[in-house]
Amino acid sequence: MSSRRRALVVVPTYNERENIGPITGGILAATAEVDVLVVDDNSPDGTGRLADEIAARETRVRVLHRARKEGLGSAYLAAFAMALSDGYEFVVEMDADFSHDPSYLPEMLARAKDTDLVIGSRYVADGGTSGWALGRRLLSRSANLYARTILGVGVDDLTSGFKCFRRQVLEAIGLSTVASVGYAFQIELTYRTIRSGFRLVEMPIVFVERRSGQSKMSWAIALEAATRIWAMLDSRPGTNPGTRGA
């Protein structure tokens, strides 16, 4: 099937062997509108090999193997290049660990037809988190407030990693100059989208703590996000601060 006007769901992986089968199955079952690209950073636990087995029997699944662990941002940039080259109209970022429920995909894609970026948001009405300790909730809320205040944008969940871009956004926001690696990558792409005059909407989701495996969050990633925000201020957004939706 031609990829034109279809969506590509990008799932970066590093040691996600327990999750990769269920998450790809969940994505494929959620909607027939999407293909899946697994981007594996040479996982020692064999995630990449298992993903190859899945791709061998599922025509809608492909695998991009990378030689080493290079970070979330780098994985997504490689995937975006493939998606644009292959003619996909929409590109979805999604975690491998079921923190992002595949059942949200049909609504996300429906909303994407009327805007440029859809953000799966924990911090709009009807959104939320499940399974988080109080400290983590406070850290996440504080990080979003910090980023929102410095950048001067009206987006409640700047650090969300569940989002759908229209291809025109990815073509316009200067991906070759994105330097962020971890959670700052999510902030930077949303900020660039707004700064370039595109429209966005925040769609409520409930973010669920991973079912299995280990979180990739670290203090180094958090510090990078805090410091990289200041480097994003090479120019202020125009009069369009993004459109929040419920």
Protein backbone atom coordinates (compact mmCIF):
# COMPACT_ATOMS: atom_id res chain seq x y z
CA MET A 1 0.00 0.00 0.00
CA SER A 2 1.26 3.47 -0.85
CA SER A 3 2.52 5.38 2.16
CA ARG A 4 1.17 8.69 0.86
CA ARG A 5 -1.37 10.08 3.33
CA ARG A 6 -0.67 7.20 5.72
CA ALA A 7 0.88 7.60 9.16
CA LEU A 8 4.13 6.13 10.41
CA VAL A 9 4.32 5.35 14.13
CA VAL A 10 7.95 5.54 15.28
CA VAL A 11 8.89 3.43 18.31
CA PRO A 12 12.48 3.90 19.56
CA THR A 13 13.80 0.94 21.55
CA TYR A 14 16.67 0.06 23.82
CA ASN A 15 16.26 -3.13 25.84
CA GLU A 16 12.51 -3.41 25.28
CA ARG A 17 12.34 -7.13 24.43
CA GLU A 18 9.42 -7.73 26.77
CA ASN A 19 7.40 -4.90 25.28
CA ILE A 20 8.16 -4.83 21.56
CA GLY A 21 5.81 -7.66 20.56
CA PRO A 22 2.80 -6.44 22.53
CA ILE A 23 3.26 -2.78 21.60
CA THR A 24 3.58 -3.40 17.86
CA GLY A 25 0.59 -5.72 18.01
CA GLY A 26 -1.39 -3.08 19.90
CA ILE A 27 -0.53 -0.37 17.39
CA LEU A 28 -1.46 -2.49 14.39
CA ALA A 29 -4.74 -3.51 16.02
CA ALA A 30 -5.66 0.06 16.97
CA THR A 31 -5.97 1.33 13.39
CA ALA A 32 -5.33 0.19 9.83
CA GLU A 33 -4.12 3.70 8.94
CA VAL A 34 -0.60 3.25 10.32
CA ASP A 35 2.68 1.50 9.65
CA VAL A 36 5.27 0.98 12.39
CA LEU A 37 8.98 1.76 12.38
CA VAL A 38 10.99 0.30 15.26
CA VAL A 39 14.27 2.17 15.75
CA ASP A 40 16.58 -0.05 17.79
CA ASP A 41 19.91 1.13 19.18
CA ASN A 42 21.61 -2.28 19.17
CA SER A 43 19.80 -3.44 22.32
CA PRO A 44 21.87 -6.00 24.24
CA ASP A 45 18.72 -7.89 25.20
CA GLY A 46 17.90 -8.77 21.57
CA THR A 47 15.05 -6.33 21.02
CA GLY A 48 16.27 -5.66 17.49
CA ARG A 49 16.34 -9.34 16.55
CA LEU A 50 12.84 -9.84 17.89
CA ALA A 51 11.66 -6.77 15.99
CA ASP A 52 13.10 -8.28 12.80
CA GLU A 53 11.07 -11.44 13.42
CA ILE A 54 7.93 -9.37 13.83
CA ALA A 55 8.68 -7.42 10.65
CA ALA A 56 9.20 -10.67 8.73
CA ARG A 57 5.58 -11.65 9.32
CA GLU A 58 3.96 -8.19 9.49
CA THR A 59 4.16 -6.17 6.28
CA ARG A 60 3.27 -2.96 8.14
CA VAL A 61 6.30 -3.19 10.44
CA ARG A 62 9.88 -2.19 9.60
CA VAL A 63 13.04 -1.99 11.68
CA LEU A 64 15.84 0.57 11.59
CA HIS A 65 18.99 -0.78 13.26
CA ARG A 66 21.55 1.63 14.66
CA ALA A 67 25.05 0.67 15.75
CA ARG A 68 24.89 2.02 19.29
CA LYS A 69 22.80 3.90 21.82
CA GLU A 70 22.73 7.53 20.66
CA GLY A 71 19.73 8.99 22.44
CA LEU A 72 16.05 9.52 21.85
CA GLY A 73 16.41 12.64 19.75
CA SER A 74 18.90 11.05 17.38
CA ALA A 75 16.63 8.02 16.94
CA TYR A 76 13.66 10.18 16.06
CA LEU A 77 15.65 12.32 13.63
CA ALA A 78 16.77 9.21 11.74
CA ALA A 79 13.18 7.98 11.65
CA PHE A 80 11.83 11.34 10.47
CA ALA A 81 14.24 11.29 7.54
CA MET A 82 12.96 7.86 6.51
CA ALA A 83 9.32 8.88 6.93
CA LEU A 84 9.72 11.97 4.77
CA SER A 85 11.67 10.07 2.11
CA ASP A 86 8.97 7.41 1.97
CA GLY A 87 6.16 9.92 1.59
CA TYR A 88 4.27 9.57 4.85
CA GLU A 89 1.80 12.37 5.54
CA PHE A 90 1.83 11.96 9.33
CA VAL A 91 4.52 10.81 11.76
CA VAL A 92 3.72 9.71 15.31
CA GLU A 93 6.17 9.54 18.21
CA MET A 94 5.36 6.81 20.71
CA ASP A 95 7.04 4.99 23.59
CA ALA A 96 7.57 1.22 23.50
CA ASP A 97 6.53 0.53 27.09
CA PHE A 98 2.74 1.13 26.97
CA SER A 99 3.05 4.45 28.76
CA HIS A 100 1.27 5.66 25.63
CA ASP A 101 -1.84 3.58 25.00
CA PRO A 102 -2.26 2.60 21.33
CA SER A 103 -6.02 3.03 21.72
CA TYR A 104 -5.48 6.80 21.50
CA LEU A 105 -4.13 6.55 17.95
CA PRO A 106 -7.45 6.76 16.03
CA GLU A 107 -8.43 9.99 17.81
CA MET A 108 -4.94 11.43 17.43
CA LEU A 109 -4.93 10.79 13.69
CA ALA A 110 -8.45 12.19 13.32
CA ARG A 111 -7.38 15.40 15.05
CA ALA A 112 -4.20 15.58 12.93
CA LYS A 113 -6.29 16.03 9.79
CA ASP A 114 -7.36 19.47 11.04
CA THR A 115 -4.11 20.76 12.55
CA ASP A 116 -0.33 20.49 12.21
CA LEU A 117 0.73 18.94 15.51
CA VAL A 118 -1.29 16.88 17.98
CA ILE A 119 0.22 16.49 21.45
CA GLY A 120 -0.95 13.70 23.74
CA SER A 121 -1.21 15.80 26.89
CA ARG A 122 -1.24 14.74 30.52
CA TYR A 123 -1.99 18.25 31.72
CA VAL A 124 -5.18 19.35 30.02
CA ALA A 125 -8.69 18.54 31.24
CA ASP A 126 -9.29 14.76 31.35
CA GLY A 127 -5.57 14.02 31.00
CA GLY A 128 -3.42 12.59 33.77
CA THR A 129 -0.85 10.07 34.94
CA SER A 130 -1.20 6.64 36.54
CA GLY A 131 1.29 4.84 38.76
CA TRP A 132 3.53 7.83 39.49
CA ALA A 133 4.82 8.70 42.94
CA LEU A 134 4.18 12.21 44.22
CA GLY A 135 7.81 13.22 43.64
CA ARG A 136 7.70 12.31 39.99
CA ARG A 137 4.41 14.13 39.47
CA LEU A 138 5.84 17.26 41.05
CA LEU A 139 9.04 17.01 38.99
CA SER A 140 7.12 16.67 35.73
CA ARG A 141 4.74 19.51 36.53
CA SER A 142 7.62 21.75 37.58
CA ALA A 143 9.63 20.94 34.45
CA ASN A 144 6.71 21.86 32.22
CA LEU A 145 6.07 25.09 34.10
CA TYR A 146 9.77 25.96 33.88
CA ALA A 147 9.93 25.34 30.13
CA ARG A 148 6.61 27.05 29.44
CA THR A 149 7.63 30.15 31.36
CA ILE A 150 11.06 30.53 29.78
CA LEU A 151 9.86 29.90 26.23
CA GLY A 152 6.68 31.92 26.62
CA VAL A 153 4.34 29.40 25.02
CA GLY A 154 0.85 28.29 25.99
CA VAL A 155 1.37 24.54 25.91
CA ASP A 156 0.56 22.57 29.04
CA ASP A 157 2.60 19.44 28.26
CA LEU A 158 5.81 20.50 26.54
CA THR A 159 7.66 17.32 27.56
CA SER A 160 5.11 14.91 26.11
CA GLY A 161 6.64 12.19 23.94
CA PHE A 162 3.34 11.12 22.37
CA LYS A 163 2.59 13.34 19.41
CA CYS A 164 1.67 13.39 15.75
CA PHE A 165 3.34 15.72 13.23
CA ARG A 166 2.09 16.59 9.80
CA ARG A 167 4.94 16.12 7.31
CA GLN A 168 4.97 19.83 6.40
CA VAL A 169 6.03 20.62 9.97
CA LEU A 170 8.99 18.26 9.88
CA GLU A 171 10.03 19.68 6.51
CA ALA A 172 9.94 23.26 7.80
CA ILE A 173 11.40 23.32 11.31
CA GLY A 174 15.05 22.67 10.50
CA LEU A 175 15.59 19.14 11.76
CA SER A 176 19.23 19.18 10.71
CA THR A 177 19.98 21.81 13.35
CA VAL A 178 18.18 20.14 16.29
CA ALA A 179 20.80 19.45 18.95
CA SER A 180 18.70 18.17 21.85
CA VAL A 181 18.92 14.51 22.79
CA GLY A 182 16.62 13.52 25.65
CA TYR A 183 13.43 15.15 26.93
CA ALA A 184 14.66 18.52 25.68
CA PHE A 185 14.14 17.10 22.19
CA GLN A 186 10.39 17.00 22.78
CA ILE A 187 10.38 20.57 24.06
CA GLU A 188 12.50 21.83 21.18
CA LEU A 189 10.38 20.27 18.44
CA THR A 190 7.18 21.68 19.88
CA TYR A 191 8.78 25.09 20.33
CA ARG A 192 10.08 25.10 16.75
CA THR A 193 6.64 24.11 15.51
CA ILE A 194 5.06 27.08 17.27
CA ARG A 195 7.84 29.47 16.25
CA SER A 196 7.32 28.47 12.61
CA GLY A 197 3.66 29.45 12.76
CA PHE A 198 2.07 26.03 12.71
CA ARG A 199 -1.07 25.12 14.64
CA LEU A 200 -1.20 22.59 17.45
CA VAL A 201 -3.76 21.01 19.72
CA GLU A 202 -3.35 19.17 23.01
CA MET A 203 -5.36 15.97 23.26
CA PRO A 204 -5.95 14.51 26.75
CA ILE A 205 -4.26 11.20 27.52
CA VAL A 206 -3.55 9.23 30.66
CA PHE A 207 0.14 8.36 30.85
CA VAL A 208 0.63 4.97 32.53
CA GLU A 209 3.86 3.87 34.23
CA ARG A 210 5.67 1.23 32.17
CA ARG A 211 4.54 -2.39 32.48
CA SER A 212 8.00 -3.91 32.45
CA GLY A 213 11.65 -3.04 31.91
CA GLN A 214 13.56 -0.06 33.24
CA SER A 215 12.86 3.63 32.74
CA LYS A 216 15.38 5.50 30.56
CA MET A 217 14.99 8.68 32.64
CA SER A 218 18.15 9.91 34.34
CA TRP A 219 19.41 13.05 36.08
CA ALA A 220 21.67 13.69 33.08
CA ILE A 221 18.63 13.76 30.79
CA ALA A 222 16.78 16.07 33.17
CA LEU A 223 19.78 18.43 33.40
CA GLU A 224 20.13 18.51 29.63
CA ALA A 225 16.48 19.49 29.31
CA ALA A 226 16.86 22.30 31.85
CA THR A 227 19.94 23.79 30.19
CA ARG A 228 18.96 23.26 26.55
CA ILE A 229 15.82 25.36 26.96
CA TRP A 230 17.94 28.51 27.14
CA ALA A 231 19.71 27.60 23.89
CA MET A 232 16.33 27.43 22.14
CA LEU A 233 15.79 31.15 22.68
CA ASP A 234 17.53 32.24 19.49
CA SER A 235 14.24 33.86 18.55
CA ARG A 236 10.91 34.29 20.25
CA PRO A 237 7.69 32.80 18.88
CA GLY A 238 5.47 35.15 16.98
CA THR A 239 1.90 35.92 17.90
CA ASN A 240 0.83 32.29 17.58
CA PRO A 241 1.39 30.54 20.93
CA GLY A 242 -0.31 27.36 19.77
CA THR A 243 -3.91 26.35 20.20
CA ARG A 244 -4.75 24.24 23.20
CA GLY A 245 -7.56 21.77 22.92
CA ALA A 246 -9.46 19.51 25.25
